[in-house]
Amino acid sequence: MKYINCTPHPIVLNDGRRFEPSGSVARVGTSFTSFENDVCSVVYGELENVPAPVEDTLYIVSAMVLSSSDRKDLVAPATGHPETIRNEKGWIVSVPGFVRG
């Protein structure tokens, strides 16, 4: 399986594999409703900068992009997994793998 990192930062797996950014950052369009009592809602739109599906290829995207699509070729870093490794400041150093929507 080939992975293409469509996030703006490197993704490191616990086994040492590293996926550098591809230069194409996947996003999801957003718009907002009017405020009512200081609260508004976000409305998610179309995916942006997500390459067309290619056989045997998975695209690494943010959890927000993943949750906004039903594409089976998108994955996100498993940042909430118990085996995620963090440094002394709590920042993620590596993840055990990916999640699929």
N, C-alpha and C. Protein backbone atom coordinates (compact mmCIF):
# COMPACT_ATOMS: atom_id res chain seq x y z
N MET A 1 0.85 -1.18 0.00
CA MET A 1 0.00 0.00 0.00
C MET A 1 0.89 1.24 0.00
N LYS A 2 0.51 2.21 -0.80
CA LYS A 2 1.24 3.49 -0.87
C LYS A 2 0.44 4.52 -0.07
N TYR A 3 1.16 5.35 0.70
CA TYR A 3 0.54 6.42 1.47
C TYR A 3 1.01 7.76 0.95
N ILE A 4 0.08 8.70 0.81
CA ILE A 4 0.41 10.07 0.43
C ILE A 4 -0.10 10.99 1.53
N ASN A 5 0.81 11.74 2.13
CA ASN A 5 0.49 12.61 3.25
C ASN A 5 -0.06 13.94 2.75
N CYS A 6 -1.35 14.14 2.96
CA CYS A 6 -2.02 15.38 2.55
C CYS A 6 -2.29 16.27 3.75
N THR A 7 -1.35 16.24 4.74
CA THR A 7 -1.40 17.16 5.87
C THR A 7 -0.18 18.07 5.76
N PRO A 8 -0.14 19.16 6.52
CA PRO A 8 1.00 20.08 6.40
C PRO A 8 2.23 19.70 7.23
N HIS A 9 2.18 18.56 7.93
CA HIS A 9 3.31 18.19 8.78
C HIS A 9 3.65 16.70 8.62
N PRO A 10 4.88 16.32 8.95
CA PRO A 10 5.26 14.91 8.85
C PRO A 10 4.42 14.05 9.80
N ILE A 11 4.13 12.84 9.38
CA ILE A 11 3.45 11.86 10.22
C ILE A 11 4.44 10.74 10.49
N VAL A 12 4.65 10.42 11.77
CA VAL A 12 5.59 9.38 12.16
C VAL A 12 4.83 8.26 12.85
N LEU A 13 5.08 7.03 12.40
CA LEU A 13 4.48 5.87 13.06
C LEU A 13 5.42 5.35 14.14
N ASN A 14 4.87 4.64 15.11
CA ASN A 14 5.66 4.11 16.21
C ASN A 14 6.79 3.20 15.73
N ASP A 15 6.62 2.57 14.57
CA ASP A 15 7.67 1.68 14.05
C ASP A 15 8.78 2.44 13.32
N GLY A 16 8.70 3.78 13.31
CA GLY A 16 9.74 4.60 12.71
C GLY A 16 9.46 5.08 11.29
N ARG A 17 8.45 4.50 10.64
CA ARG A 17 8.14 5.01 9.29
C ARG A 17 7.69 6.45 9.39
N ARG A 18 8.10 7.24 8.41
CA ARG A 18 7.83 8.67 8.40
C ARG A 18 7.24 9.04 7.04
N PHE A 19 6.18 9.81 7.06
CA PHE A 19 5.50 10.24 5.85
C PHE A 19 5.58 11.77 5.78
N GLU A 20 6.38 12.26 4.87
CA GLU A 20 6.56 13.70 4.70
C GLU A 20 5.35 14.30 3.98
N PRO A 21 5.06 15.57 4.22
CA PRO A 21 3.95 16.21 3.50
C PRO A 21 4.18 16.17 2.00
N SER A 22 3.11 15.95 1.26
CA SER A 22 3.19 15.87 -0.20
C SER A 22 3.21 17.24 -0.85
N GLY A 23 2.82 18.27 -0.09
CA GLY A 23 2.72 19.61 -0.67
C GLY A 23 1.28 19.98 -0.99
N SER A 24 0.40 18.99 -1.00
CA SER A 24 -1.02 19.22 -1.21
C SER A 24 -1.74 18.99 0.11
N VAL A 25 -2.32 20.04 0.69
CA VAL A 25 -2.96 19.94 2.00
C VAL A 25 -4.47 19.82 1.81
N ALA A 26 -5.02 18.68 2.22
CA ALA A 26 -6.46 18.44 2.11
C ALA A 26 -7.20 19.28 3.15
N ARG A 27 -8.26 19.88 2.73
CA ARG A 27 -9.10 20.70 3.61
C ARG A 27 -10.56 20.38 3.33
N VAL A 28 -11.43 20.84 4.20
CA VAL A 28 -12.86 20.77 3.97
C VAL A 28 -13.39 22.19 4.07
N GLY A 29 -14.20 22.57 3.10
CA GLY A 29 -14.78 23.90 3.10
C GLY A 29 -15.74 24.07 4.27
N THR A 30 -15.80 25.28 4.81
CA THR A 30 -16.70 25.55 5.93
C THR A 30 -17.44 26.86 5.72
N SER A 31 -18.62 26.93 6.28
CA SER A 31 -19.35 28.18 6.37
C SER A 31 -20.02 28.18 7.75
N PHE A 32 -20.51 29.32 8.16
CA PHE A 32 -21.07 29.46 9.50
C PHE A 32 -22.45 30.07 9.45
N THR A 33 -23.31 29.64 10.37
CA THR A 33 -24.63 30.23 10.49
C THR A 33 -24.50 31.55 11.26
N SER A 34 -25.59 32.25 11.35
CA SER A 34 -25.62 33.48 12.14
C SER A 34 -25.52 33.14 13.62
N PHE A 35 -24.99 34.09 14.39
CA PHE A 35 -24.89 33.90 15.83
C PHE A 35 -26.27 34.10 16.48
N GLU A 36 -26.57 33.22 17.42
CA GLU A 36 -27.77 33.37 18.23
C GLU A 36 -27.34 33.10 19.67
N ASN A 37 -27.51 34.07 20.53
CA ASN A 37 -27.03 33.96 21.92
C ASN A 37 -25.54 33.65 21.96
N ASP A 38 -24.77 34.30 21.09
CA ASP A 38 -23.32 34.16 21.01
C ASP A 38 -22.84 32.82 20.46
N VAL A 39 -23.73 32.01 19.91
CA VAL A 39 -23.36 30.69 19.40
C VAL A 39 -23.79 30.56 17.95
N CYS A 40 -22.90 30.01 17.13
CA CYS A 40 -23.24 29.72 15.74
C CYS A 40 -22.91 28.25 15.47
N SER A 41 -23.29 27.78 14.31
CA SER A 41 -22.98 26.42 13.89
C SER A 41 -22.07 26.47 12.68
N VAL A 42 -21.22 25.46 12.56
CA VAL A 42 -20.38 25.35 11.38
C VAL A 42 -21.03 24.36 10.42
N VAL A 43 -20.98 24.67 9.15
CA VAL A 43 -21.52 23.80 8.11
C VAL A 43 -20.34 23.38 7.23
N TYR A 44 -20.12 22.07 7.15
CA TYR A 44 -19.00 21.56 6.36
C TYR A 44 -19.44 21.36 4.92
N GLY A 45 -18.54 21.71 4.01
CA GLY A 45 -18.85 21.63 2.58
C GLY A 45 -18.01 20.59 1.87
N GLU A 46 -17.54 20.96 0.70
CA GLU A 46 -16.80 20.06 -0.17
C GLU A 46 -15.35 19.90 0.29
N LEU A 47 -14.78 18.74 -0.02
CA LEU A 47 -13.36 18.53 0.22
C LEU A 47 -12.56 19.36 -0.77
N GLU A 48 -11.41 19.85 -0.33
CA GLU A 48 -10.52 20.65 -1.18
C GLU A 48 -9.13 20.02 -1.17
N ASN A 49 -8.49 19.99 -2.31
CA ASN A 49 -7.12 19.49 -2.47
C ASN A 49 -6.95 18.02 -2.11
N VAL A 50 -7.98 17.23 -2.32
CA VAL A 50 -7.86 15.79 -2.11
C VAL A 50 -7.72 15.15 -3.49
N PRO A 51 -6.60 14.45 -3.72
CA PRO A 51 -6.40 13.84 -5.03
C PRO A 51 -7.48 12.81 -5.36
N ALA A 52 -7.65 12.55 -6.64
CA ALA A 52 -8.59 11.52 -7.09
C ALA A 52 -8.09 10.16 -6.61
N PRO A 53 -9.01 9.24 -6.36
CA PRO A 53 -8.60 7.90 -5.92
C PRO A 53 -7.65 7.22 -6.92
N VAL A 54 -6.67 6.52 -6.35
CA VAL A 54 -5.72 5.73 -7.14
C VAL A 54 -5.63 4.36 -6.47
N GLU A 55 -5.66 3.32 -7.25
CA GLU A 55 -5.61 1.96 -6.71
C GLU A 55 -4.37 1.75 -5.84
N ASP A 56 -4.55 1.05 -4.73
CA ASP A 56 -3.48 0.73 -3.78
C ASP A 56 -2.82 1.96 -3.16
N THR A 57 -3.57 3.06 -3.04
CA THR A 57 -3.06 4.29 -2.45
C THR A 57 -4.03 4.80 -1.40
N LEU A 58 -3.49 5.14 -0.23
CA LEU A 58 -4.28 5.77 0.83
C LEU A 58 -3.75 7.18 1.05
N TYR A 59 -4.66 8.11 1.23
CA TYR A 59 -4.30 9.51 1.46
C TYR A 59 -4.46 9.82 2.94
N ILE A 60 -3.38 10.32 3.56
CA ILE A 60 -3.40 10.70 4.97
C ILE A 60 -3.94 12.12 5.06
N VAL A 61 -5.02 12.28 5.81
CA VAL A 61 -5.68 13.58 5.94
C VAL A 61 -5.96 13.83 7.43
N SER A 62 -6.43 15.02 7.75
CA SER A 62 -6.80 15.33 9.13
C SER A 62 -8.08 14.58 9.50
N ALA A 63 -8.32 14.45 10.80
CA ALA A 63 -9.54 13.80 11.27
C ALA A 63 -10.79 14.55 10.78
N MET A 64 -10.70 15.88 10.69
CA MET A 64 -11.84 16.66 10.22
C MET A 64 -12.16 16.33 8.76
N VAL A 65 -11.16 16.25 7.94
CA VAL A 65 -11.37 15.91 6.53
C VAL A 65 -11.94 14.49 6.44
N LEU A 66 -11.36 13.57 7.20
CA LEU A 66 -11.83 12.18 7.18
C LEU A 66 -13.30 12.09 7.56
N SER A 67 -13.69 12.80 8.61
CA SER A 67 -15.08 12.72 9.08
C SER A 67 -16.06 13.40 8.13
N SER A 68 -15.56 14.19 7.21
CA SER A 68 -16.42 14.91 6.27
C SER A 68 -16.58 14.17 4.95
N SER A 69 -16.06 12.95 4.87
CA SER A 69 -16.09 12.22 3.61
C SER A 69 -16.43 10.75 3.85
N ASP A 70 -16.98 10.12 2.83
CA ASP A 70 -17.21 8.68 2.91
C ASP A 70 -16.23 7.91 2.01
N ARG A 71 -15.18 8.59 1.55
CA ARG A 71 -14.18 7.92 0.71
C ARG A 71 -13.41 6.89 1.53
N LYS A 72 -13.22 5.72 0.97
CA LYS A 72 -12.54 4.62 1.66
C LYS A 72 -11.03 4.67 1.49
N ASP A 73 -10.52 5.64 0.71
CA ASP A 73 -9.07 5.76 0.50
C ASP A 73 -8.46 6.87 1.37
N LEU A 74 -9.24 7.38 2.33
CA LEU A 74 -8.73 8.41 3.23
C LEU A 74 -8.52 7.80 4.61
N VAL A 75 -7.41 8.15 5.24
CA VAL A 75 -7.11 7.72 6.61
C VAL A 75 -6.58 8.93 7.38
N ALA A 76 -6.68 8.86 8.69
CA ALA A 76 -6.15 9.92 9.56
C ALA A 76 -5.26 9.28 10.61
N PRO A 77 -4.27 10.01 11.11
CA PRO A 77 -3.43 9.46 12.18
C PRO A 77 -4.28 9.08 13.39
N ALA A 78 -3.96 7.94 14.00
CA ALA A 78 -4.71 7.44 15.16
C ALA A 78 -4.22 8.14 16.43
N THR A 79 -4.44 9.44 16.51
CA THR A 79 -3.90 10.26 17.60
C THR A 79 -4.52 9.95 18.95
N GLY A 80 -5.72 9.42 19.00
CA GLY A 80 -6.37 9.11 20.26
C GLY A 80 -6.11 7.70 20.76
N HIS A 81 -5.38 6.92 19.99
CA HIS A 81 -5.10 5.52 20.36
C HIS A 81 -4.21 5.47 21.60
N PRO A 82 -4.43 4.49 22.50
CA PRO A 82 -3.62 4.40 23.72
C PRO A 82 -2.12 4.21 23.46
N GLU A 83 -1.75 3.71 22.28
CA GLU A 83 -0.34 3.49 21.98
C GLU A 83 0.34 4.70 21.33
N THR A 84 -0.38 5.83 21.25
CA THR A 84 0.23 7.05 20.74
C THR A 84 1.34 7.48 21.70
N ILE A 85 2.48 7.87 21.15
CA ILE A 85 3.63 8.28 21.96
C ILE A 85 3.68 9.81 22.01
N ARG A 86 3.81 10.34 23.22
CA ARG A 86 3.87 11.78 23.44
C ARG A 86 5.16 12.14 24.16
N ASN A 87 5.60 13.38 23.96
CA ASN A 87 6.81 13.83 24.67
C ASN A 87 6.42 14.39 26.03
N GLU A 88 7.40 14.94 26.76
CA GLU A 88 7.17 15.45 28.11
C GLU A 88 6.19 16.62 28.15
N LYS A 89 6.00 17.30 27.01
CA LYS A 89 5.04 18.41 26.95
C LYS A 89 3.64 17.95 26.52
N GLY A 90 3.52 16.64 26.22
CA GLY A 90 2.24 16.11 25.79
C GLY A 90 2.01 16.16 24.30
N TRP A 91 3.01 16.63 23.56
CA TRP A 91 2.88 16.70 22.10
C TRP A 91 3.08 15.32 21.50
N ILE A 92 2.35 15.04 20.44
CA ILE A 92 2.46 13.74 19.80
C ILE A 92 3.79 13.61 19.07
N VAL A 93 4.47 12.51 19.36
CA VAL A 93 5.75 12.18 18.71
C VAL A 93 5.49 11.19 17.57
N SER A 94 4.67 10.18 17.85
CA SER A 94 4.33 9.18 16.82
C SER A 94 3.01 8.52 17.17
N VAL A 95 2.42 7.89 16.17
CA VAL A 95 1.16 7.19 16.33
C VAL A 95 1.34 5.74 15.91
N PRO A 96 0.49 4.83 16.42
CA PRO A 96 0.65 3.42 16.06
C PRO A 96 0.17 3.08 14.65
N GLY A 97 -0.61 3.95 14.06
CA GLY A 97 -1.15 3.68 12.71
C GLY A 97 -2.20 4.72 12.36
N PHE A 98 -3.14 4.28 11.56
CA PHE A 98 -4.15 5.19 11.02
C PHE A 98 -5.55 4.67 11.33
N VAL A 99 -6.53 5.57 11.27
CA VAL A 99 -7.94 5.21 11.39
C VAL A 99 -8.61 5.50 10.06
N ARG A 100 -9.64 4.74 9.78
CA ARG A 100 -10.44 4.92 8.55
C ARG A 100 -11.84 5.32 8.98
N GLY A 101 -12.47 6.17 8.17
CA GLY A 101 -13.82 6.65 8.50
C GLY A 101 -14.88 5.62 8.32
